[in-house]
């Protein structure tokens, strides 16, 4: 069984994510006022960090850890039991690595993807990754004079010509078509070039209702 999982892991995506639920009362451990995804706003609730393996067809749950909100602990965020969500995610990823489950790619959302320290940990472990990133994140680029300047990613996307976007068909239960452009830039707070996939729902920027940016570490080299 373990060997089977190891084979799956080598060609699978390992993804870390958060799941939240509203708490009516404060009797449950870890409850605190925080963003609750199921209702789309801040309220009293619980958050758990989980890891899964995904092979393109099925998802295999691996581990789960309860996030202890500072308000639920005697000494708040100074309490020895307090751990940030990114710390919990790392502990779960490391647990998978210790088992021998080394994934082809680690997938993380923007809540972790905007954390430079988290990404450095991924790179130190030589893990390839794809992450979501906030549209207002600054990237660094060189102008024609060679001077380094910064600009928001969503603003930079408007400069990319329509010809640079390639049409990609995404199969599945609900197939869809997206247009993708790959650019190579520096991201603020990180050293070195990163490749960013800018994904749009239409071939032209002005017609796109959905625009997404996903920087990659090693996965597009």
N, C-alpha and C. Protein backbone atom coordinates (compact mmCIF):
# COMPACT_ATOMS: atom_id res chain seq x y z
N UNK A 1 0.83 -1.20 0.00
CA UNK A 1 0.00 0.00 0.00
C UNK A 1 0.86 1.26 0.00
N UNK A 2 1.88 1.28 0.89
CA UNK A 2 2.76 2.46 0.97
C UNK A 2 3.53 2.64 -0.33
N UNK A 3 4.04 1.53 -0.90
CA UNK A 3 4.76 1.64 -2.15
C UNK A 3 3.86 2.18 -3.25
N UNK A 4 2.60 1.75 -3.22
CA UNK A 4 1.65 2.25 -4.21
C UNK A 4 1.46 3.74 -4.10
N UNK A 5 1.36 4.23 -2.87
CA UNK A 5 1.19 5.66 -2.65
C UNK A 5 2.44 6.42 -3.09
N UNK A 6 3.62 5.84 -2.83
CA UNK A 6 4.87 6.50 -3.23
C UNK A 6 4.91 6.67 -4.75
N UNK A 7 4.44 5.66 -5.50
CA UNK A 7 4.43 5.76 -6.95
C UNK A 7 3.46 6.84 -7.41
N UNK A 8 2.30 6.89 -6.75
CA UNK A 8 1.32 7.93 -7.07
C UNK A 8 1.89 9.31 -6.77
N UNK A 9 2.57 9.44 -5.63
CA UNK A 9 3.11 10.74 -5.20
C UNK A 9 4.09 11.30 -6.21
N UNK A 10 4.92 10.44 -6.79
CA UNK A 10 5.96 10.90 -7.70
C UNK A 10 5.40 11.61 -8.92
N UNK A 11 4.19 11.26 -9.33
CA UNK A 11 3.60 11.88 -10.51
C UNK A 11 2.35 12.68 -10.15
N UNK A 12 2.20 13.01 -8.88
CA UNK A 12 0.99 13.69 -8.41
C UNK A 12 1.27 15.10 -7.94
N UNK A 13 0.18 15.78 -7.66
CA UNK A 13 0.23 17.11 -7.06
C UNK A 13 -0.05 16.96 -5.57
N UNK A 14 0.80 17.57 -4.75
CA UNK A 14 0.53 17.66 -3.32
C UNK A 14 0.01 19.06 -3.06
N UNK A 15 -1.17 19.17 -2.53
CA UNK A 15 -1.67 20.52 -2.26
C UNK A 15 -2.04 20.70 -0.80
N UNK A 16 -1.69 21.89 -0.33
CA UNK A 16 -2.00 22.28 1.04
C UNK A 16 -3.08 23.35 0.98
N UNK A 17 -4.10 23.19 1.81
CA UNK A 17 -5.18 24.16 1.79
C UNK A 17 -5.82 24.29 3.16
N UNK A 18 -6.67 25.29 3.29
CA UNK A 18 -7.38 25.52 4.54
C UNK A 18 -8.87 25.24 4.34
N UNK A 19 -9.48 24.66 5.35
CA UNK A 19 -10.92 24.46 5.37
C UNK A 19 -11.46 25.10 6.63
N UNK A 20 -12.53 25.86 6.49
CA UNK A 20 -13.05 26.59 7.65
C UNK A 20 -14.54 26.33 7.83
N UNK A 21 -15.00 26.49 9.05
CA UNK A 21 -16.42 26.32 9.37
C UNK A 21 -16.81 27.27 10.49
N UNK A 22 -17.99 27.81 10.39
CA UNK A 22 -18.48 28.74 11.40
C UNK A 22 -18.82 27.98 12.68
N UNK A 23 -18.50 28.57 13.82
CA UNK A 23 -18.82 27.97 15.12
C UNK A 23 -19.88 28.82 15.80
N UNK A 24 -20.98 28.18 16.19
CA UNK A 24 -22.07 28.91 16.84
C UNK A 24 -21.66 29.33 18.25
N UNK A 25 -20.90 28.47 18.93
CA UNK A 25 -20.44 28.77 20.27
C UNK A 25 -18.93 28.60 20.35
N UNK A 26 -18.37 28.95 21.50
CA UNK A 26 -16.92 28.89 21.67
C UNK A 26 -16.46 27.64 22.41
N UNK A 27 -17.27 26.60 22.40
CA UNK A 27 -16.92 25.39 23.14
C UNK A 27 -15.86 24.56 22.43
N UNK A 28 -15.72 24.73 21.12
CA UNK A 28 -14.77 23.95 20.35
C UNK A 28 -13.37 24.54 20.46
N UNK A 29 -12.36 23.69 20.56
CA UNK A 29 -10.97 24.16 20.64
C UNK A 29 -10.60 24.92 19.37
N UNK A 30 -9.80 25.97 19.54
CA UNK A 30 -9.27 26.70 18.39
C UNK A 30 -10.17 27.76 17.80
N UNK A 31 -11.36 27.95 18.38
CA UNK A 31 -12.30 28.92 17.81
C UNK A 31 -11.77 30.34 17.96
N UNK A 32 -11.97 31.14 16.93
CA UNK A 32 -11.58 32.54 16.98
C UNK A 32 -12.23 33.30 15.84
N UNK A 33 -12.21 34.60 15.92
CA UNK A 33 -12.80 35.42 14.86
C UNK A 33 -11.82 35.49 13.70
N UNK A 34 -12.21 34.94 12.57
CA UNK A 34 -11.33 34.85 11.41
C UNK A 34 -12.18 34.67 10.15
N UNK A 35 -11.51 34.72 8.99
CA UNK A 35 -12.26 34.57 7.74
C UNK A 35 -12.75 33.13 7.61
N UNK A 36 -14.05 32.97 7.35
CA UNK A 36 -14.67 31.66 7.19
C UNK A 36 -15.13 31.51 5.75
N UNK A 37 -14.49 30.62 5.02
CA UNK A 37 -14.75 30.48 3.60
C UNK A 37 -16.17 30.09 3.25
N UNK A 38 -16.79 29.25 4.08
CA UNK A 38 -18.13 28.76 3.74
C UNK A 38 -19.19 29.85 3.75
N UNK A 39 -18.94 30.94 4.48
CA UNK A 39 -19.90 32.05 4.48
C UNK A 39 -19.32 33.30 3.83
N UNK A 40 -18.03 33.25 3.46
CA UNK A 40 -17.42 34.35 2.74
C UNK A 40 -17.20 35.62 3.52
N UNK A 41 -17.06 35.51 4.84
CA UNK A 41 -16.81 36.70 5.64
C UNK A 41 -16.16 36.30 6.97
N UNK A 42 -15.76 37.31 7.75
CA UNK A 42 -15.14 37.07 9.05
C UNK A 42 -16.21 36.78 10.10
N UNK A 43 -15.97 35.73 10.88
CA UNK A 43 -16.91 35.35 11.94
C UNK A 43 -16.18 34.41 12.89
N UNK A 44 -16.83 34.02 13.98
CA UNK A 44 -16.26 33.02 14.87
C UNK A 44 -16.27 31.66 14.18
N UNK A 45 -15.14 30.97 14.22
CA UNK A 45 -15.11 29.68 13.57
C UNK A 45 -13.79 28.97 13.74
N UNK A 46 -13.71 27.80 13.13
CA UNK A 46 -12.50 26.97 13.16
C UNK A 46 -11.87 26.90 11.78
N UNK A 47 -10.56 26.76 11.75
CA UNK A 47 -9.83 26.54 10.50
C UNK A 47 -8.91 25.34 10.69
N UNK A 48 -8.91 24.45 9.72
CA UNK A 48 -7.96 23.34 9.73
C UNK A 48 -7.10 23.44 8.47
N UNK A 49 -5.85 23.03 8.59
CA UNK A 49 -4.94 22.97 7.45
C UNK A 49 -4.81 21.50 7.06
N UNK A 50 -4.95 21.22 5.76
CA UNK A 50 -4.91 19.84 5.29
C UNK A 50 -3.95 19.69 4.12
N UNK A 51 -3.50 18.46 3.90
CA UNK A 51 -2.72 18.13 2.71
C UNK A 51 -3.37 16.95 2.00
N UNK A 52 -3.26 16.96 0.68
CA UNK A 52 -3.84 15.91 -0.15
C UNK A 52 -2.90 15.61 -1.31
N UNK A 53 -3.00 14.39 -1.85
CA UNK A 53 -2.35 14.03 -3.10
C UNK A 53 -3.42 13.95 -4.17
N UNK A 54 -3.12 14.48 -5.36
CA UNK A 54 -4.08 14.44 -6.46
C UNK A 54 -3.36 13.96 -7.71
N UNK A 55 -3.90 12.90 -8.34
CA UNK A 55 -3.25 12.31 -9.51
C UNK A 55 -3.92 12.68 -10.82
N UNK A 56 -4.79 13.67 -10.79
CA UNK A 56 -5.50 14.07 -11.99
C UNK A 56 -6.90 13.51 -12.07
N UNK A 57 -7.17 12.49 -11.25
CA UNK A 57 -8.50 11.87 -11.23
C UNK A 57 -9.10 11.84 -9.83
N UNK A 58 -8.27 11.45 -8.88
CA UNK A 58 -8.76 11.29 -7.51
C UNK A 58 -7.86 12.03 -6.53
N UNK A 59 -8.47 12.45 -5.43
CA UNK A 59 -7.74 13.13 -4.37
C UNK A 59 -7.61 12.20 -3.17
N UNK A 60 -6.40 12.08 -2.63
CA UNK A 60 -6.14 11.22 -1.48
C UNK A 60 -5.81 12.10 -0.27
N UNK A 61 -6.69 12.16 0.74
CA UNK A 61 -6.38 12.95 1.94
C UNK A 61 -5.17 12.37 2.67
N UNK A 62 -4.28 13.24 3.13
CA UNK A 62 -3.09 12.79 3.85
C UNK A 62 -3.15 13.15 5.34
N UNK A 63 -3.11 14.45 5.63
CA UNK A 63 -3.03 14.87 7.04
C UNK A 63 -3.89 16.11 7.28
N UNK A 64 -4.20 16.32 8.55
CA UNK A 64 -5.01 17.46 8.95
C UNK A 64 -4.52 17.98 10.30
N UNK A 65 -4.53 19.30 10.47
CA UNK A 65 -4.10 19.90 11.73
C UNK A 65 -5.01 21.10 12.03
N UNK A 66 -5.48 21.17 13.27
CA UNK A 66 -6.33 22.27 13.68
C UNK A 66 -5.50 23.52 13.96
N UNK A 67 -5.91 24.64 13.37
CA UNK A 67 -5.28 25.92 13.66
C UNK A 67 -5.85 26.47 14.96
N UNK A 68 -4.98 26.68 15.94
CA UNK A 68 -5.39 27.22 17.23
C UNK A 68 -5.33 28.74 17.16
N UNK A 69 -6.48 29.37 17.01
CA UNK A 69 -6.53 30.83 16.93
C UNK A 69 -5.99 31.42 18.23
N UNK A 70 -5.28 32.54 18.12
CA UNK A 70 -4.69 33.17 19.29
C UNK A 70 -5.70 33.45 20.39
N UNK A 71 -6.93 33.82 20.01
CA UNK A 71 -7.96 34.14 21.00
C UNK A 71 -8.39 32.92 21.82
N UNK A 72 -8.09 31.72 21.31
CA UNK A 72 -8.51 30.51 22.02
C UNK A 72 -7.45 30.00 23.00
N UNK A 73 -6.29 30.66 23.02
CA UNK A 73 -5.18 30.23 23.86
C UNK A 73 -4.98 31.18 25.04
N UNK A 74 -4.52 30.64 26.13
CA UNK A 74 -4.38 31.43 27.37
C UNK A 74 -3.48 32.64 27.19
N UNK A 75 -2.37 32.48 26.46
CA UNK A 75 -1.42 33.57 26.28
C UNK A 75 -1.48 34.16 24.87
N UNK A 76 -2.58 33.92 24.18
CA UNK A 76 -2.73 34.48 22.84
C UNK A 76 -1.66 33.94 21.89
N UNK A 77 -1.17 34.80 21.01
CA UNK A 77 -0.17 34.38 20.04
C UNK A 77 1.20 34.11 20.67
N UNK A 78 1.36 34.50 21.94
CA UNK A 78 2.61 34.21 22.65
C UNK A 78 2.56 32.84 23.33
N UNK A 79 1.42 32.19 23.27
CA UNK A 79 1.26 30.87 23.88
C UNK A 79 2.13 29.85 23.14
N UNK A 80 2.81 28.96 23.88
CA UNK A 80 3.67 27.95 23.24
C UNK A 80 2.94 27.08 22.22
N UNK A 81 1.62 26.93 22.37
CA UNK A 81 0.86 26.09 21.45
C UNK A 81 0.48 26.81 20.16
N UNK A 82 0.69 28.13 20.12
CA UNK A 82 0.28 28.87 18.93
C UNK A 82 1.24 28.63 17.77
N UNK A 83 0.69 28.33 16.61
CA UNK A 83 1.47 28.17 15.38
C UNK A 83 0.73 28.85 14.25
N UNK A 84 1.47 29.54 13.40
CA UNK A 84 0.86 30.16 12.23
C UNK A 84 0.37 29.07 11.27
N UNK A 85 -0.57 29.45 10.42
CA UNK A 85 -1.10 28.49 9.45
C UNK A 85 0.00 28.01 8.50
N UNK A 86 0.90 28.92 8.13
CA UNK A 86 2.00 28.52 7.25
C UNK A 86 2.91 27.50 7.92
N UNK A 87 3.11 27.66 9.23
CA UNK A 87 3.92 26.69 9.98
C UNK A 87 3.25 25.32 9.98
N UNK A 88 1.93 25.30 10.19
CA UNK A 88 1.20 24.04 10.17
C UNK A 88 1.29 23.39 8.79
N UNK A 89 1.17 24.20 7.75
CA UNK A 89 1.26 23.66 6.39
C UNK A 89 2.62 23.03 6.15
N UNK A 90 3.68 23.69 6.65
CA UNK A 90 5.02 23.15 6.47
C UNK A 90 5.20 21.85 7.22
N UNK A 91 4.67 21.79 8.41
CA UNK A 91 4.79 20.55 9.19
C UNK A 91 4.11 19.39 8.48
N UNK A 92 2.96 19.66 7.85
CA UNK A 92 2.25 18.61 7.14
C UNK A 92 2.99 18.20 5.86
N UNK A 93 3.56 19.18 5.15
CA UNK A 93 4.33 18.86 3.95
C UNK A 93 5.56 18.04 4.32
N UNK A 94 6.25 18.44 5.39
CA UNK A 94 7.43 17.69 5.83
C UNK A 94 7.05 16.28 6.27
N UNK A 95 5.89 16.14 6.88
CA UNK A 95 5.43 14.81 7.28
C UNK A 95 5.28 13.90 6.06
N UNK A 96 4.76 14.46 4.97
CA UNK A 96 4.61 13.69 3.74
C UNK A 96 5.97 13.31 3.16
N UNK A 97 6.92 14.26 3.20
CA UNK A 97 8.25 13.98 2.68
C UNK A 97 8.95 12.90 3.49
N UNK A 98 8.78 12.92 4.81
CA UNK A 98 9.41 11.90 5.66
C UNK A 98 8.85 10.51 5.35
N UNK A 99 7.62 10.45 4.92
CA UNK A 99 7.03 9.16 4.54
C UNK A 99 7.56 8.66 3.19
N UNK A 100 8.23 9.54 2.47
CA UNK A 100 8.72 9.17 1.15
C UNK A 100 7.80 9.60 0.03
N UNK A 101 6.77 10.40 0.36
CA UNK A 101 5.86 10.88 -0.67
C UNK A 101 6.42 12.18 -1.25
N UNK A 102 7.24 12.09 -2.26
CA UNK A 102 7.80 13.30 -2.88
C UNK A 102 7.00 13.61 -4.14
N UNK A 103 6.20 14.66 -4.11
CA UNK A 103 5.29 14.94 -5.22
C UNK A 103 5.99 15.53 -6.44
N UNK A 104 5.32 15.42 -7.59
CA UNK A 104 5.85 16.05 -8.79
C UNK A 104 5.78 17.56 -8.67
N UNK A 105 4.69 18.06 -8.10
CA UNK A 105 4.48 19.50 -7.93
C UNK A 105 3.72 19.74 -6.63
N UNK A 106 4.05 20.82 -5.95
CA UNK A 106 3.29 21.27 -4.78
C UNK A 106 2.41 22.43 -5.23
N UNK A 107 1.13 22.33 -4.94
CA UNK A 107 0.18 23.37 -5.32
C UNK A 107 -0.29 24.11 -4.07
N UNK A 108 -0.17 25.44 -4.08
CA UNK A 108 -0.57 26.24 -2.92
C UNK A 108 -1.36 27.45 -3.38
N UNK A 109 -2.29 27.90 -2.55
CA UNK A 109 -3.09 29.06 -2.94
C UNK A 109 -2.40 30.34 -2.49
N UNK A 110 -3.05 31.47 -2.82
CA UNK A 110 -2.40 32.76 -2.59
C UNK A 110 -2.18 33.08 -1.12
N UNK A 111 -2.95 32.46 -0.22
CA UNK A 111 -2.75 32.73 1.21
C UNK A 111 -1.36 32.30 1.66
N UNK A 112 -0.80 31.26 1.02
CA UNK A 112 0.57 30.84 1.27
C UNK A 112 1.51 31.39 0.19
N UNK A 113 0.99 31.52 -1.02
CA UNK A 113 1.81 31.93 -2.15
C UNK A 113 2.37 33.33 -2.04
N UNK A 114 1.73 34.19 -1.24
CA UNK A 114 2.23 35.54 -1.06
C UNK A 114 3.24 35.64 0.08
N UNK A 115 3.55 34.50 0.70
CA UNK A 115 4.49 34.45 1.81
C UNK A 115 5.87 34.05 1.28
N UNK A 116 6.79 35.03 1.21
CA UNK A 116 8.11 34.78 0.63
C UNK A 116 8.88 33.71 1.41
N UNK A 117 8.77 33.72 2.73
CA UNK A 117 9.48 32.72 3.55
C UNK A 117 9.00 31.31 3.23
N UNK A 118 7.70 31.17 3.01
CA UNK A 118 7.12 29.86 2.68
C UNK A 118 7.70 29.35 1.37
N UNK A 119 7.82 30.23 0.39
CA UNK A 119 8.35 29.83 -0.92
C UNK A 119 9.82 29.46 -0.84
N UNK A 120 10.56 30.19 -0.01
CA UNK A 120 11.98 29.87 0.15
C UNK A 120 12.16 28.48 0.75
N UNK A 121 11.26 28.11 1.67
CA UNK A 121 11.32 26.77 2.26
C UNK A 121 11.08 25.72 1.18
N UNK A 122 10.14 25.98 0.28
CA UNK A 122 9.89 25.05 -0.82
C UNK A 122 11.13 24.88 -1.69
N UNK A 123 11.76 25.99 -2.00
CA UNK A 123 12.92 25.95 -2.89
C UNK A 123 14.12 25.29 -2.22
N UNK A 124 14.27 25.49 -0.91
CA UNK A 124 15.37 24.84 -0.19
C UNK A 124 15.22 23.33 -0.20
N UNK A 125 13.97 22.87 -0.24
CA UNK A 125 13.71 21.42 -0.30
C UNK A 125 13.67 20.91 -1.73
N UNK A 126 13.98 21.81 -2.68
CA UNK A 126 14.01 21.47 -4.11
C UNK A 126 12.68 20.90 -4.58
N UNK A 127 11.60 21.49 -4.09
CA UNK A 127 10.26 21.09 -4.51
C UNK A 127 9.76 22.04 -5.60
N UNK A 128 9.27 21.47 -6.67
CA UNK A 128 8.66 22.29 -7.72
C UNK A 128 7.27 22.70 -7.25
N UNK A 129 6.87 23.91 -7.58
CA UNK A 129 5.59 24.38 -7.08
C UNK A 129 4.87 25.29 -8.06
N UNK A 130 3.57 25.33 -7.91
CA UNK A 130 2.71 26.29 -8.60
C UNK A 130 1.89 26.96 -7.51
N UNK A 131 1.80 28.26 -7.55
CA UNK A 131 1.08 28.96 -6.49
C UNK A 131 0.21 30.06 -7.07
N UNK A 132 -0.85 30.35 -6.37
CA UNK A 132 -1.64 31.52 -6.71
C UNK A 132 -0.95 32.74 -6.13
N UNK A 133 -1.20 33.88 -6.73
CA UNK A 133 -0.59 35.12 -6.24
C UNK A 133 -1.58 36.26 -6.39
N UNK A 134 -1.58 37.17 -5.46
CA UNK A 134 -2.51 38.29 -5.52
C UNK A 134 -2.22 39.17 -6.72
N UNK A 135 -3.28 39.67 -7.35
CA UNK A 135 -3.13 40.49 -8.55
C UNK A 135 -2.42 41.81 -8.26
N UNK A 136 -2.46 42.25 -7.00
CA UNK A 136 -1.82 43.53 -6.66
C UNK A 136 -0.37 43.36 -6.22
N UNK A 137 0.17 42.14 -6.34
CA UNK A 137 1.57 41.91 -5.97
C UNK A 137 2.48 42.61 -6.96
N UNK A 138 3.53 43.24 -6.48
CA UNK A 138 4.47 43.93 -7.35
C UNK A 138 5.50 42.97 -7.93
N UNK A 139 5.81 43.18 -9.20
CA UNK A 139 6.90 42.45 -9.84
C UNK A 139 7.94 43.47 -10.30
N UNK A 140 9.17 43.01 -10.45
CA UNK A 140 10.27 43.88 -10.88
C UNK A 140 10.63 43.57 -12.32
N UNK A 141 10.90 44.60 -13.10
CA UNK A 141 11.28 44.40 -14.50
C UNK A 141 12.26 45.50 -14.90
N UNK A 142 12.96 45.25 -16.00
CA UNK A 142 13.91 46.24 -16.50
C UNK A 142 13.33 46.92 -17.74
N UNK A 143 13.38 48.26 -17.73
CA UNK A 143 12.89 48.99 -18.89
C UNK A 143 13.96 49.02 -19.98
N UNK A 144 13.70 49.73 -21.07
CA UNK A 144 14.62 49.73 -22.21
C UNK A 144 15.99 50.30 -21.85
N UNK A 145 16.03 51.17 -20.84
CA UNK A 145 17.31 51.76 -20.44
C UNK A 145 18.09 50.85 -19.48
N UNK A 146 17.47 49.74 -19.08
CA UNK A 146 18.13 48.82 -18.16
C UNK A 146 17.83 49.10 -16.70
N UNK A 147 17.01 50.12 -16.45
CA UNK A 147 16.65 50.48 -15.08
C UNK A 147 15.57 49.53 -14.55
N UNK A 148 15.73 49.11 -13.29
CA UNK A 148 14.75 48.22 -12.66
C UNK A 148 13.60 49.04 -12.09
N UNK A 149 12.39 48.64 -12.43
CA UNK A 149 11.21 49.32 -11.94
C UNK A 149 10.21 48.28 -11.44
N UNK A 150 9.17 48.71 -10.74
CA UNK A 150 8.17 47.78 -10.22
C UNK A 150 6.79 48.16 -10.73
N UNK A 151 5.92 47.15 -10.83
CA UNK A 151 4.57 47.37 -11.31
C UNK A 151 3.68 46.24 -10.79
N UNK A 152 2.41 46.52 -10.59
CA UNK A 152 1.47 45.47 -10.19
C UNK A 152 1.31 44.46 -11.32
N UNK A 153 1.09 43.20 -10.94
CA UNK A 153 0.96 42.16 -11.95
C UNK A 153 -0.22 42.41 -12.88
N UNK A 154 -1.37 42.81 -12.33
CA UNK A 154 -2.53 43.01 -13.19
C UNK A 154 -2.33 44.18 -14.15
N UNK A 155 -1.52 45.17 -13.76
CA UNK A 155 -1.22 46.27 -14.66
C UNK A 155 -0.24 45.83 -15.74
N UNK A 156 0.74 45.01 -15.35
CA UNK A 156 1.71 44.50 -16.32
C UNK A 156 1.03 43.65 -17.38
N UNK A 157 0.00 42.89 -16.98
CA UNK A 157 -0.69 41.99 -17.91
C UNK A 157 -1.27 42.75 -19.09
N UNK A 158 -1.63 44.01 -18.89
CA UNK A 158 -2.22 44.79 -19.98
C UNK A 158 -1.20 45.12 -21.07
N UNK A 159 0.08 45.02 -20.74
CA UNK A 159 1.13 45.32 -21.71
C UNK A 159 1.39 44.15 -22.65
N UNK A 160 0.98 42.96 -22.26
CA UNK A 160 1.30 41.77 -23.04
C UNK A 160 0.43 41.72 -24.29
N UNK A 161 1.05 41.50 -25.44
CA UNK A 161 0.31 41.47 -26.70
C UNK A 161 -0.57 40.23 -26.77
N UNK A 162 -1.66 40.32 -27.54
CA UNK A 162 -2.57 39.19 -27.69
C UNK A 162 -1.87 37.98 -28.29
N UNK A 163 -0.85 38.22 -29.12
CA UNK A 163 -0.14 37.13 -29.79
C UNK A 163 0.65 36.26 -28.81
N UNK A 164 0.98 36.81 -27.65
CA UNK A 164 1.76 36.05 -26.67
C UNK A 164 0.91 35.07 -25.88
N UNK A 165 -0.41 35.20 -25.96
CA UNK A 165 -1.30 34.28 -25.26
C UNK A 165 -1.61 33.07 -26.14
N UNK A 166 -1.44 31.88 -25.57
CA UNK A 166 -1.71 30.64 -26.29
C UNK A 166 -3.02 30.03 -25.79
N UNK A 167 -3.80 29.52 -26.73
CA UNK A 167 -5.07 28.89 -26.38
C UNK A 167 -4.83 27.50 -25.81
N UNK A 168 -5.39 27.23 -24.64
CA UNK A 168 -5.23 25.94 -23.97
C UNK A 168 -6.61 25.34 -23.68
N UNK A 169 -6.79 24.08 -24.06
CA UNK A 169 -8.04 23.38 -23.77
C UNK A 169 -7.87 22.59 -22.47
N UNK A 170 -8.73 22.83 -21.50
CA UNK A 170 -8.67 22.12 -20.23
C UNK A 170 -9.80 21.08 -20.19
N UNK A 171 -9.45 19.78 -20.20
CA UNK A 171 -10.48 18.74 -20.20
C UNK A 171 -11.09 18.57 -18.81
N UNK A 172 -12.08 17.71 -18.71
CA UNK A 172 -12.72 17.43 -17.43
C UNK A 172 -14.22 17.36 -17.58
N UNK A 173 -14.91 17.27 -16.45
CA UNK A 173 -16.37 17.22 -16.48
C UNK A 173 -16.96 18.48 -17.09
N UNK A 174 -16.29 19.61 -16.83
CA UNK A 174 -16.71 20.87 -17.43
C UNK A 174 -15.53 21.46 -18.20
N UNK A 175 -15.27 20.97 -19.42
CA UNK A 175 -14.13 21.46 -20.20
C UNK A 175 -14.23 22.96 -20.43
N UNK A 176 -13.09 23.60 -20.47
CA UNK A 176 -13.09 25.03 -20.75
C UNK A 176 -11.83 25.42 -21.49
N UNK A 177 -11.87 26.59 -22.09
CA UNK A 177 -10.74 27.11 -22.84
C UNK A 177 -10.19 28.34 -22.13
N UNK A 178 -8.88 28.39 -21.99
CA UNK A 178 -8.22 29.55 -21.40
C UNK A 178 -7.09 29.99 -22.32
N UNK A 179 -6.61 31.20 -22.12
CA UNK A 179 -5.49 31.73 -22.88
C UNK A 179 -4.37 32.05 -21.90
N UNK A 180 -3.18 31.52 -22.16
CA UNK A 180 -2.09 31.58 -21.20
C UNK A 180 -0.86 32.23 -21.82
N UNK A 181 -0.26 33.15 -21.08
CA UNK A 181 1.02 33.76 -21.47
C UNK A 181 2.02 33.51 -20.34
N UNK A 182 3.23 33.11 -20.71
CA UNK A 182 4.29 32.87 -19.73
C UNK A 182 5.28 34.02 -19.79
N UNK A 183 5.49 34.68 -18.67
CA UNK A 183 6.48 35.75 -18.60
C UNK A 183 7.50 35.42 -17.51
N UNK A 184 8.68 35.99 -17.63
CA UNK A 184 9.74 35.75 -16.64
C UNK A 184 10.14 37.08 -16.02
N UNK A 185 9.91 37.21 -14.73
CA UNK A 185 10.17 38.46 -14.02
C UNK A 185 10.69 38.15 -12.62
N UNK A 186 11.08 39.20 -11.92
CA UNK A 186 11.42 39.06 -10.51
C UNK A 186 10.21 39.48 -9.68
N UNK A 187 9.97 38.78 -8.59
CA UNK A 187 8.86 39.09 -7.70
C UNK A 187 9.43 39.76 -6.45
N UNK A 188 8.77 40.80 -6.00
CA UNK A 188 9.25 41.51 -4.82
C UNK A 188 9.42 40.56 -3.65
N UNK A 189 10.49 40.76 -2.88
CA UNK A 189 10.85 39.98 -1.69
C UNK A 189 11.44 38.60 -2.00
N UNK A 190 11.59 38.28 -3.29
CA UNK A 190 12.22 37.02 -3.68
C UNK A 190 13.40 37.31 -4.59
N UNK A 191 14.46 36.53 -4.47
CA UNK A 191 15.66 36.74 -5.26
C UNK A 191 15.61 35.85 -6.50
N UNK A 192 15.91 36.43 -7.66
CA UNK A 192 15.98 35.64 -8.89
C UNK A 192 14.70 35.71 -9.71
N UNK A 193 14.81 35.22 -10.94
CA UNK A 193 13.69 35.23 -11.86
C UNK A 193 12.67 34.15 -11.53
N UNK A 194 11.39 34.45 -11.77
CA UNK A 194 10.31 33.48 -11.64
C UNK A 194 9.46 33.53 -12.90
N UNK A 195 8.98 32.37 -13.30
CA UNK A 195 8.07 32.32 -14.44
C UNK A 195 6.64 32.43 -13.93
N UNK A 196 5.87 33.29 -14.56
CA UNK A 196 4.49 33.50 -14.16
C UNK A 196 3.57 33.16 -15.32
N UNK A 197 2.58 32.33 -15.07
CA UNK A 197 1.56 32.02 -16.06
C UNK A 197 0.37 32.94 -15.82
N UNK A 198 0.10 33.81 -16.78
CA UNK A 198 -1.07 34.68 -16.70
C UNK A 198 -2.18 34.02 -17.50
N UNK A 199 -3.26 33.68 -16.82
CA UNK A 199 -4.34 32.90 -17.43
C UNK A 199 -5.58 33.78 -17.56
N UNK A 200 -6.14 33.83 -18.78
CA UNK A 200 -7.32 34.66 -19.02
C UNK A 200 -8.45 33.81 -19.60
N UNK A 201 -9.68 34.29 -19.41
CA UNK A 201 -10.85 33.59 -19.92
C UNK A 201 -11.20 33.98 -21.34
N UNK A 202 -10.44 34.91 -21.93
CA UNK A 202 -10.67 35.36 -23.31
C UNK A 202 -9.32 35.66 -23.94
N UNK A 203 -9.23 35.65 -25.29
CA UNK A 203 -7.94 35.87 -25.94
C UNK A 203 -7.40 37.29 -25.83
N UNK A 204 -8.25 38.26 -25.51
CA UNK A 204 -7.82 39.65 -25.37
C UNK A 204 -8.07 40.14 -23.95
N UNK A 205 -7.14 40.93 -23.42
CA UNK A 205 -7.22 41.39 -22.04
C UNK A 205 -8.53 42.14 -21.77
N UNK A 206 -8.92 43.01 -22.70
CA UNK A 206 -10.11 43.83 -22.46
C UNK A 206 -11.41 43.02 -22.47
N UNK A 207 -11.35 41.80 -23.01
CA UNK A 207 -12.55 40.96 -23.06
C UNK A 207 -12.60 39.93 -21.94
N UNK A 208 -11.51 39.79 -21.19
CA UNK A 208 -11.42 38.73 -20.17
C UNK A 208 -12.15 39.13 -18.89
N UNK A 209 -13.03 38.25 -18.43
CA UNK A 209 -13.71 38.48 -17.16
C UNK A 209 -12.89 37.94 -15.99
N UNK A 210 -12.16 36.86 -16.25
CA UNK A 210 -11.32 36.24 -15.21
C UNK A 210 -9.87 36.30 -15.64
N UNK A 211 -9.01 36.83 -14.76
CA UNK A 211 -7.57 36.87 -15.01
C UNK A 211 -6.88 36.32 -13.78
N UNK A 212 -6.02 35.34 -13.98
CA UNK A 212 -5.36 34.68 -12.86
C UNK A 212 -3.86 34.67 -13.11
N UNK A 213 -3.08 34.75 -12.04
CA UNK A 213 -1.63 34.70 -12.16
C UNK A 213 -1.10 33.59 -11.27
N UNK A 214 -0.22 32.74 -11.84
CA UNK A 214 0.33 31.64 -11.06
C UNK A 214 1.83 31.52 -11.30
N UNK A 215 2.64 32.06 -10.37
CA UNK A 215 4.08 31.89 -10.46
C UNK A 215 4.47 30.44 -10.24
N UNK A 216 5.53 30.02 -10.89
CA UNK A 216 5.97 28.64 -10.78
C UNK A 216 7.43 28.58 -10.35
N UNK A 217 7.75 27.64 -9.49
CA UNK A 217 9.13 27.42 -9.08
C UNK A 217 9.63 26.12 -9.67
N UNK A 218 10.34 26.22 -10.78
CA UNK A 218 10.91 25.03 -11.39
C UNK A 218 9.98 24.29 -12.32
N UNK A 219 8.67 24.50 -12.22
CA UNK A 219 7.74 23.65 -12.97
C UNK A 219 7.68 24.00 -14.45
N UNK A 220 8.17 25.19 -14.84
CA UNK A 220 8.09 25.57 -16.24
C UNK A 220 9.47 25.67 -16.88
N UNK A 221 10.48 25.20 -16.20
CA UNK A 221 11.83 25.31 -16.74
C UNK A 221 12.07 24.24 -17.78
